[in-house]
């Protein structure tokens, strides 16, 4: 890190808050010594956790509030009644220029509603999208949207493609990331009208986007493309399917190696390789879903993650801020005709 960054943390969001937030910040402090943190939450619960972390204490400012957004709060209720909540105040810090990003493990719907209301969307972006990084056979890929927008038109999908492509360049370090539209088949005639319309525009007028074509569900794990674009309905189903499959496979492996004495011996012989595989697919390593398209960096941590996972979510916010991701998105939209709505583009032609 060359410049001092401040990341706002919702200290009260998540299943084990504020403990995992504080411990996660301590891990992130060692990784990013030039980053400072503002913790928003109940100081009476946060301060005792810092007693054995003097170095972290010097890198932290605590903004006291006793109000918390719970997992059961509806987004509309949280938006109206949670103006002094730890989540809202952390988002406000980004809006007011007091922090370069915010991380919360709290209520996803409330976080999206508050962030969209407070920060607004970037110029040229109609709707923000939830994005996350996945491991694949080749390396890593980013997928969006994962649930923010159940229904999407062609404009939304094109904007997601722009944001995903720029994320691949800026954060994943890919020189020319490939982009695919998630569909029920790879043929051009497959899929609903919006996805076919978006595909036609990306093929004809990519504006710097390396469009691959349609991809299917198995292409996510294979790493066929670097960026997978989807509506939030299909994307969320894909996400939950992947998470469930990883848990199922892990449980099958655990039971198999405990099934007999020879299996236990086999585990001991293969333990080093298995540990490498476990680290490769560890969901904590990829913790931190990004709300792309907002006028500010917002990262959602999994609510049940541990300190290691939360530290990785902080790292996502740091990367987005350090790479000036939102500025690059705006510049990309300004350069290309893809920022022109489909209906306007059709009329112009």
Protein backbone atom coordinates (compact mmCIF):
# COMPACT_ATOMS: atom_id res chain seq x y z
CA UNK A 1 0.00 0.00 0.00
CA UNK A 2 1.44 3.38 -1.03
CA UNK A 3 -1.30 5.64 0.30
CA UNK A 4 -3.16 5.61 3.57
CA UNK A 5 -6.64 4.11 3.24
CA UNK A 6 -9.47 3.97 5.75
CA UNK A 7 -11.98 1.13 5.73
CA UNK A 8 -15.24 1.44 7.67
CA UNK A 9 -16.36 -1.74 9.45
CA UNK A 10 -19.84 -2.60 10.65
CA UNK A 11 -18.64 -4.07 13.93
CA UNK A 12 -22.05 -5.42 14.92
CA UNK A 13 -22.94 -7.30 11.72
CA UNK A 14 -22.58 -11.07 11.54
CA UNK A 15 -23.22 -14.14 13.68
CA UNK A 16 -20.20 -13.63 15.95
CA UNK A 17 -19.89 -9.86 15.95
CA UNK A 18 -18.05 -7.92 17.18
CA UNK A 19 -15.46 -10.59 18.02
CA UNK A 20 -14.77 -11.81 14.48
CA UNK A 21 -14.78 -8.25 13.15
CA UNK A 22 -12.07 -7.16 15.57
CA UNK A 23 -10.00 -10.31 15.04
CA UNK A 24 -10.42 -10.03 11.30
CA UNK A 25 -9.27 -6.41 11.40
CA UNK A 26 -6.19 -7.52 13.32
CA UNK A 27 -5.31 -10.05 10.62
CA UNK A 28 -5.92 -7.44 7.92
CA UNK A 29 -3.73 -4.94 9.80
CA UNK A 30 -0.76 -7.27 9.46
CA UNK A 31 -1.43 -7.69 5.74
CA UNK A 32 -2.05 -3.99 5.11
CA UNK A 33 -0.03 -1.99 7.66
CA UNK A 34 -0.95 1.33 6.01
CA UNK A 35 -4.71 0.78 6.28
CA UNK A 36 -6.71 2.34 9.10
CA UNK A 37 -10.10 1.19 10.35
CA UNK A 38 -13.20 2.87 11.72
CA UNK A 39 -15.35 0.49 13.71
CA UNK A 40 -19.01 1.38 14.13
CA UNK A 41 -20.75 -0.33 17.02
CA UNK A 42 -21.09 -0.70 20.77
CA UNK A 43 -17.80 0.55 22.25
CA UNK A 44 -18.49 -1.26 25.52
CA UNK A 45 -18.31 -4.57 23.64
CA UNK A 46 -15.56 -3.60 21.22
CA UNK A 47 -13.02 -1.99 23.59
CA UNK A 48 -12.39 -5.10 25.77
CA UNK A 49 -11.52 -7.09 22.65
CA UNK A 50 -8.73 -4.64 21.84
CA UNK A 51 -6.89 -4.91 25.16
CA UNK A 52 -4.57 -7.62 23.85
CA UNK A 53 -4.18 -5.99 20.44
CA UNK A 54 -2.25 -2.75 21.08
CA UNK A 55 -1.06 -2.41 17.48
CA UNK A 56 -4.59 -2.74 16.17
CA UNK A 57 -5.84 -0.27 18.74
CA UNK A 58 -3.50 2.36 17.30
CA UNK A 59 -4.95 1.73 13.83
CA UNK A 60 -8.59 1.94 14.88
CA UNK A 61 -11.15 4.62 15.70
CA UNK A 62 -14.40 3.52 17.35
CA UNK A 63 -17.67 5.29 16.57
CA UNK A 64 -20.11 4.31 19.30
CA UNK A 65 -23.69 3.34 18.56
CA UNK A 66 -26.01 0.87 20.22
CA UNK A 67 -28.36 0.47 17.26
CA UNK A 68 -27.98 -2.69 15.19
CA UNK A 69 -29.62 -4.02 12.02
CA UNK A 70 -30.66 -7.61 12.75
CA UNK A 71 -30.83 -10.48 10.29
CA UNK A 72 -34.62 -10.49 10.62
CA UNK A 73 -35.06 -6.81 9.72
CA UNK A 74 -36.70 -6.20 6.38
CA UNK A 75 -34.68 -3.87 4.13
CA UNK A 76 -37.45 -1.26 4.12
CA UNK A 77 -37.63 -1.26 7.93
CA UNK A 78 -33.85 -1.05 8.27
CA UNK A 79 -33.77 1.85 5.83
CA UNK A 80 -36.42 3.80 7.75
CA UNK A 81 -35.51 2.91 11.32
CA UNK A 82 -31.78 2.18 11.17
CA UNK A 83 -30.39 5.65 10.52
CA UNK A 84 -28.18 5.42 13.62
CA UNK A 85 -27.32 1.75 13.21
CA UNK A 86 -23.73 0.54 12.93
CA UNK A 87 -24.38 -0.50 9.32
CA UNK A 88 -25.81 2.84 8.22
CA UNK A 89 -23.13 4.91 9.96
CA UNK A 90 -20.38 2.84 8.35
CA UNK A 91 -21.93 3.46 4.92
CA UNK A 92 -22.27 7.16 5.73
CA UNK A 93 -18.51 7.29 6.33
CA UNK A 94 -17.95 6.28 2.70
CA UNK A 95 -20.51 8.79 1.46
CA UNK A 96 -18.88 11.58 3.44
CA UNK A 97 -15.38 10.76 2.20
CA UNK A 98 -14.20 9.60 5.62
CA UNK A 99 -13.54 6.04 4.41
CA UNK A 100 -12.67 4.48 1.06
CA UNK A 101 -14.78 1.38 1.59
CA UNK A 102 -17.16 -0.40 3.96
CA UNK A 103 -17.35 -4.05 5.01
CA UNK A 104 -20.31 -5.64 6.77
CA UNK A 105 -21.30 -9.20 7.61
CA UNK A 106 -24.83 -8.11 8.41
CA UNK A 107 -28.21 -8.38 6.71
CA UNK A 108 -27.57 -8.49 2.92
CA UNK A 109 -30.87 -6.95 1.87
CA UNK A 110 -30.55 -4.12 4.36
CA UNK A 111 -26.94 -3.47 3.34
CA UNK A 112 -27.90 -3.22 -0.32
CA UNK A 113 -30.90 -0.98 0.38
CA UNK A 114 -28.92 1.35 2.63
CA UNK A 115 -25.91 1.47 0.32
CA UNK A 116 -27.98 2.17 -2.78
CA UNK A 117 -30.01 4.88 -1.01
CA UNK A 118 -26.98 6.53 0.58
CA UNK A 119 -24.29 6.20 -2.08
CA UNK A 120 -26.41 6.12 -5.26
CA UNK A 121 -25.25 4.36 -8.42
CA UNK A 122 -22.39 5.37 -10.69
CA UNK A 123 -23.21 7.42 -13.80
CA UNK A 124 -24.33 5.03 -16.53
CA UNK A 125 -25.27 2.23 -14.11
CA UNK A 126 -28.98 1.60 -13.52
CA UNK A 127 -28.68 -1.12 -10.88
CA UNK A 128 -25.85 -2.34 -8.67
CA UNK A 129 -24.91 -6.00 -8.86
CA UNK A 130 -23.55 -8.45 -6.31
CA UNK A 131 -20.30 -10.00 -7.53
CA UNK A 132 -17.97 -12.61 -6.09
CA UNK A 133 -14.78 -14.40 -7.08
CA UNK A 134 -14.82 -18.17 -7.58
CA UNK A 135 -11.98 -20.67 -7.97
CA UNK A 136 -12.03 -22.64 -11.20
CA UNK A 137 -10.02 -25.26 -13.04
CA UNK A 138 -7.70 -22.63 -14.57
CA UNK A 139 -7.49 -19.93 -11.90
CA UNK A 140 -10.25 -17.60 -10.70
CA UNK A 141 -13.28 -15.91 -12.22
CA UNK A 142 -15.79 -13.29 -11.14
CA UNK A 143 -19.55 -13.75 -11.43
CA UNK A 144 -22.36 -11.19 -11.25
CA UNK A 145 -25.22 -10.69 -10.44
CA UNK A 146 -25.65 -13.06 -7.51
CA UNK A 147 -29.03 -11.95 -6.23
CA UNK A 148 -29.49 -8.20 -6.18
CA UNK A 149 -31.65 -8.12 -9.32
CA UNK A 150 -34.04 -11.02 -9.89
CA UNK A 151 -35.14 -9.67 -13.26
CA UNK A 152 -32.72 -7.93 -15.64
CA UNK A 153 -33.10 -6.35 -19.05
CA UNK A 154 -30.41 -6.24 -21.72
CA UNK A 155 -29.07 -2.89 -20.49
CA UNK A 156 -28.52 -4.31 -17.01
CA UNK A 157 -26.66 -7.34 -18.36
CA UNK A 158 -24.46 -5.16 -20.55
CA UNK A 159 -23.63 -2.91 -17.60
CA UNK A 160 -22.76 -6.00 -15.55
CA UNK A 161 -20.45 -7.10 -18.36
CA UNK A 162 -18.67 -3.74 -18.29
CA UNK A 163 -18.25 -3.85 -14.52
CA UNK A 164 -17.14 -7.48 -14.50
CA UNK A 165 -14.63 -6.91 -17.27
CA UNK A 166 -13.12 -3.93 -15.49
CA UNK A 167 -12.97 -5.88 -12.22
CA UNK A 168 -11.06 -8.61 -14.02
CA UNK A 169 -8.52 -6.09 -15.27
CA UNK A 170 -8.20 -3.93 -12.15
CA UNK A 171 -8.46 -6.41 -9.31
CA UNK A 172 -7.73 -9.86 -10.78
CA UNK A 173 -4.90 -8.49 -12.91
CA UNK A 174 -6.14 -9.95 -16.20
CA UNK A 175 -4.94 -8.11 -19.29
CA UNK A 176 -8.00 -8.83 -21.42
CA UNK A 177 -10.63 -10.81 -19.47
CA UNK A 178 -13.15 -12.87 -21.41
CA UNK A 179 -16.85 -12.39 -20.69
CA UNK A 180 -19.68 -14.90 -21.05
CA UNK A 181 -23.45 -14.68 -20.54
CA UNK A 182 -24.88 -17.50 -18.42
CA UNK A 183 -27.60 -19.26 -20.39
CA UNK A 184 -29.41 -22.58 -20.81
CA UNK A 185 -27.29 -23.40 -23.86
CA UNK A 186 -24.52 -22.03 -26.03
CA UNK A 187 -26.58 -21.67 -29.22
CA UNK A 188 -27.51 -18.13 -30.22
CA UNK A 189 -31.24 -18.94 -30.28
CA UNK A 190 -31.26 -20.15 -26.65
CA UNK A 191 -32.42 -18.09 -23.68
CA UNK A 192 -34.95 -15.34 -23.06
CA UNK A 193 -35.10 -12.15 -25.07
CA UNK A 194 -33.03 -9.99 -22.71
CA UNK A 195 -30.02 -12.30 -22.69
CA UNK A 196 -30.18 -12.78 -26.48
CA UNK A 197 -30.44 -9.02 -27.00
CA UNK A 198 -27.48 -8.37 -24.72
CA UNK A 199 -25.47 -11.04 -26.52
CA UNK A 200 -26.17 -9.48 -29.92
CA UNK A 201 -24.98 -6.07 -28.74
CA UNK A 202 -21.85 -7.46 -27.10
CA UNK A 203 -20.98 -9.36 -30.28
CA UNK A 204 -21.48 -6.35 -32.54
CA UNK A 205 -20.29 -3.52 -30.28
CA UNK A 206 -18.08 -4.88 -27.53
CA UNK A 207 -16.44 -1.50 -26.78
CA UNK A 208 -13.32 -3.11 -25.35
CA UNK A 209 -15.07 -6.19 -23.93
CA UNK A 210 -13.77 -9.57 -25.10
CA UNK A 211 -17.10 -11.32 -25.43
CA UNK A 212 -16.90 -15.12 -25.55
CA UNK A 213 -20.58 -15.97 -26.02
CA UNK A 214 -23.08 -17.96 -23.98
CA UNK A 215 -21.81 -20.22 -21.21
CA UNK A 216 -23.56 -22.90 -19.17
CA UNK A 217 -23.42 -23.85 -15.52
CA UNK A 218 -20.53 -26.30 -15.88
CA UNK A 219 -18.43 -23.58 -17.51
CA UNK A 220 -18.24 -21.76 -14.14
CA UNK A 221 -16.05 -24.45 -12.59
CA UNK A 222 -14.15 -25.14 -15.81
CA UNK A 223 -13.03 -21.51 -16.08
CA UNK A 224 -14.25 -21.19 -19.67
CA UNK A 225 -14.44 -17.41 -19.21
CA UNK A 226 -13.04 -14.94 -16.69
CA UNK A 227 -16.33 -13.10 -16.13
CA UNK A 228 -19.74 -14.77 -15.91
CA UNK A 229 -22.71 -12.41 -16.33
CA UNK A 230 -26.17 -13.42 -15.18
CA UNK A 231 -29.43 -12.05 -13.84
CA UNK A 232 -29.68 -12.25 -10.06
CA UNK A 233 -32.20 -15.10 -10.10
CA UNK A 234 -29.99 -17.52 -12.02
CA UNK A 235 -26.81 -16.21 -10.40
CA UNK A 236 -28.05 -16.79 -6.86
CA UNK A 237 -29.18 -20.32 -7.70
CA UNK A 238 -25.75 -21.03 -9.20
CA UNK A 239 -24.04 -19.58 -6.11
CA UNK A 240 -26.07 -21.66 -3.65
CA UNK A 241 -25.60 -24.77 -5.78
CA UNK A 242 -21.83 -24.31 -5.77
CA UNK A 243 -21.75 -23.69 -2.01
CA UNK A 244 -23.91 -26.74 -1.34
CA UNK A 245 -21.87 -28.95 -3.64
CA UNK A 246 -18.62 -27.96 -1.91
CA UNK A 247 -20.13 -28.81 1.51
CA UNK A 248 -21.50 -32.11 0.22
CA UNK A 249 -18.22 -33.15 -1.35
CA UNK A 250 -16.29 -32.17 1.79
CA UNK A 251 -18.65 -34.23 3.95
CA UNK A 252 -18.35 -37.23 1.61
CA UNK A 253 -14.55 -36.98 1.81
CA UNK A 254 -14.58 -36.71 5.59
CA UNK A 255 -16.80 -39.78 5.99
CA UNK A 256 -14.83 -41.77 3.42
CA UNK A 257 -11.53 -41.26 5.23
CA UNK A 258 -13.11 -42.28 8.53
CA UNK A 259 -14.78 -45.40 7.19
CA UNK A 260 -11.94 -47.86 7.91
CA UNK A 261 -8.44 -48.24 9.26
CA UNK A 262 -6.98 -48.37 5.75
CA UNK A 263 -8.90 -45.20 4.85
CA UNK A 264 -7.41 -43.40 7.85
CA UNK A 265 -3.96 -44.58 6.77
CA UNK A 266 -4.67 -43.33 3.27
CA UNK A 267 -5.61 -39.94 4.68
CA UNK A 268 -2.30 -39.71 6.54
CA UNK A 269 -0.40 -40.48 3.36
CA UNK A 270 -2.40 -37.98 1.30
CA UNK A 271 -2.80 -35.33 4.00
CA UNK A 272 -0.42 -32.80 2.48
CA UNK A 273 -2.14 -32.90 -0.91
CA UNK A 274 -5.57 -32.82 0.69
CA UNK A 275 -4.62 -29.76 2.71
CA UNK A 276 -3.55 -28.01 -0.48
CA UNK A 277 -6.88 -28.87 -2.08
CA UNK A 278 -8.77 -27.69 1.01
CA UNK A 279 -6.97 -24.37 0.95
CA UNK A 280 -7.69 -23.99 -2.76
CA UNK A 281 -11.47 -24.29 -2.32
CA UNK A 282 -11.74 -22.81 1.18
CA UNK A 283 -14.79 -20.49 1.02
CA UNK A 284 -13.17 -18.18 3.56
CA UNK A 285 -10.45 -17.42 1.03
CA UNK A 286 -13.09 -16.07 -1.38
CA UNK A 287 -15.21 -14.35 1.27
CA UNK A 288 -16.33 -10.87 0.37
CA UNK A 289 -19.08 -10.22 -2.18
CA UNK A 290 -18.84 -6.83 -3.86
CA UNK A 291 -21.73 -4.48 -4.57
CA UNK A 292 -20.56 -3.22 -7.94
CA UNK A 293 -22.05 -0.14 -9.55
CA UNK A 294 -22.41 1.97 -6.42
CA UNK A 295 -20.67 5.30 -5.93
CA UNK A 296 -18.54 3.79 -3.19
CA UNK A 297 -16.87 0.49 -2.32
CA UNK A 298 -19.20 -1.85 -0.43
CA UNK A 299 -18.26 -5.43 0.49
CA UNK A 300 -20.57 -8.01 2.06
CA UNK A 301 -18.92 -10.65 4.21
CA UNK A 302 -20.63 -13.96 4.88
CA UNK A 303 -22.44 -13.70 8.21
CA UNK A 304 -21.07 -16.98 9.57
CA UNK A 305 -17.45 -16.51 8.57
CA UNK A 306 -14.54 -16.48 11.01
CA UNK A 307 -11.80 -13.88 11.49
CA UNK A 308 -9.75 -15.24 8.58
CA UNK A 309 -12.71 -14.94 6.25
CA UNK A 310 -13.59 -11.45 7.46
CA UNK A 311 -9.99 -10.34 6.92
CA UNK A 312 -10.27 -11.51 3.33
CA UNK A 313 -13.44 -9.45 2.90
CA UNK A 314 -11.52 -6.43 4.16
CA UNK A 315 -8.85 -7.24 1.60
CA UNK A 316 -11.45 -7.07 -1.18
CA UNK A 317 -12.45 -3.57 -0.06
CA UNK A 318 -8.80 -2.52 0.10
CA UNK A 319 -8.15 -3.84 -3.42
CA UNK A 320 -11.16 -2.05 -4.87
CA UNK A 321 -10.15 1.23 -3.26
CA UNK A 322 -6.45 0.92 -4.08
CA UNK A 323 -7.17 0.13 -7.74
CA UNK A 324 -9.68 3.02 -7.99
CA UNK A 325 -12.16 0.56 -9.40
CA UNK A 326 -15.19 2.85 -9.57
CA UNK A 327 -13.30 5.54 -11.44
CA UNK A 328 -12.26 2.99 -14.05
CA UNK A 329 -15.85 1.78 -14.43
CA UNK A 330 -17.02 5.33 -15.10
CA UNK A 331 -14.22 5.91 -17.59
CA UNK A 332 -15.04 2.66 -19.41
CA UNK A 333 -18.69 3.61 -19.73
CA UNK A 334 -17.76 7.08 -20.97
CA UNK A 335 -15.50 5.61 -23.67
CA UNK A 336 -17.91 3.07 -25.12
CA UNK A 337 -21.30 3.20 -26.76
CA UNK A 338 -22.38 0.33 -24.49
CA UNK A 339 -23.44 3.00 -22.00
CA UNK A 340 -26.20 3.96 -24.46
CA UNK A 341 -29.49 2.28 -23.47
CA UNK A 342 -30.69 -0.49 -25.77
CA UNK A 343 -33.84 1.38 -26.74
CA UNK A 344 -31.82 4.52 -27.66
CA UNK A 345 -29.25 2.48 -29.56
CA UNK A 346 -32.00 0.77 -31.54
CA UNK A 347 -33.59 4.09 -32.43
CA UNK A 348 -30.25 5.53 -33.51
CA UNK A 349 -29.63 2.64 -35.86
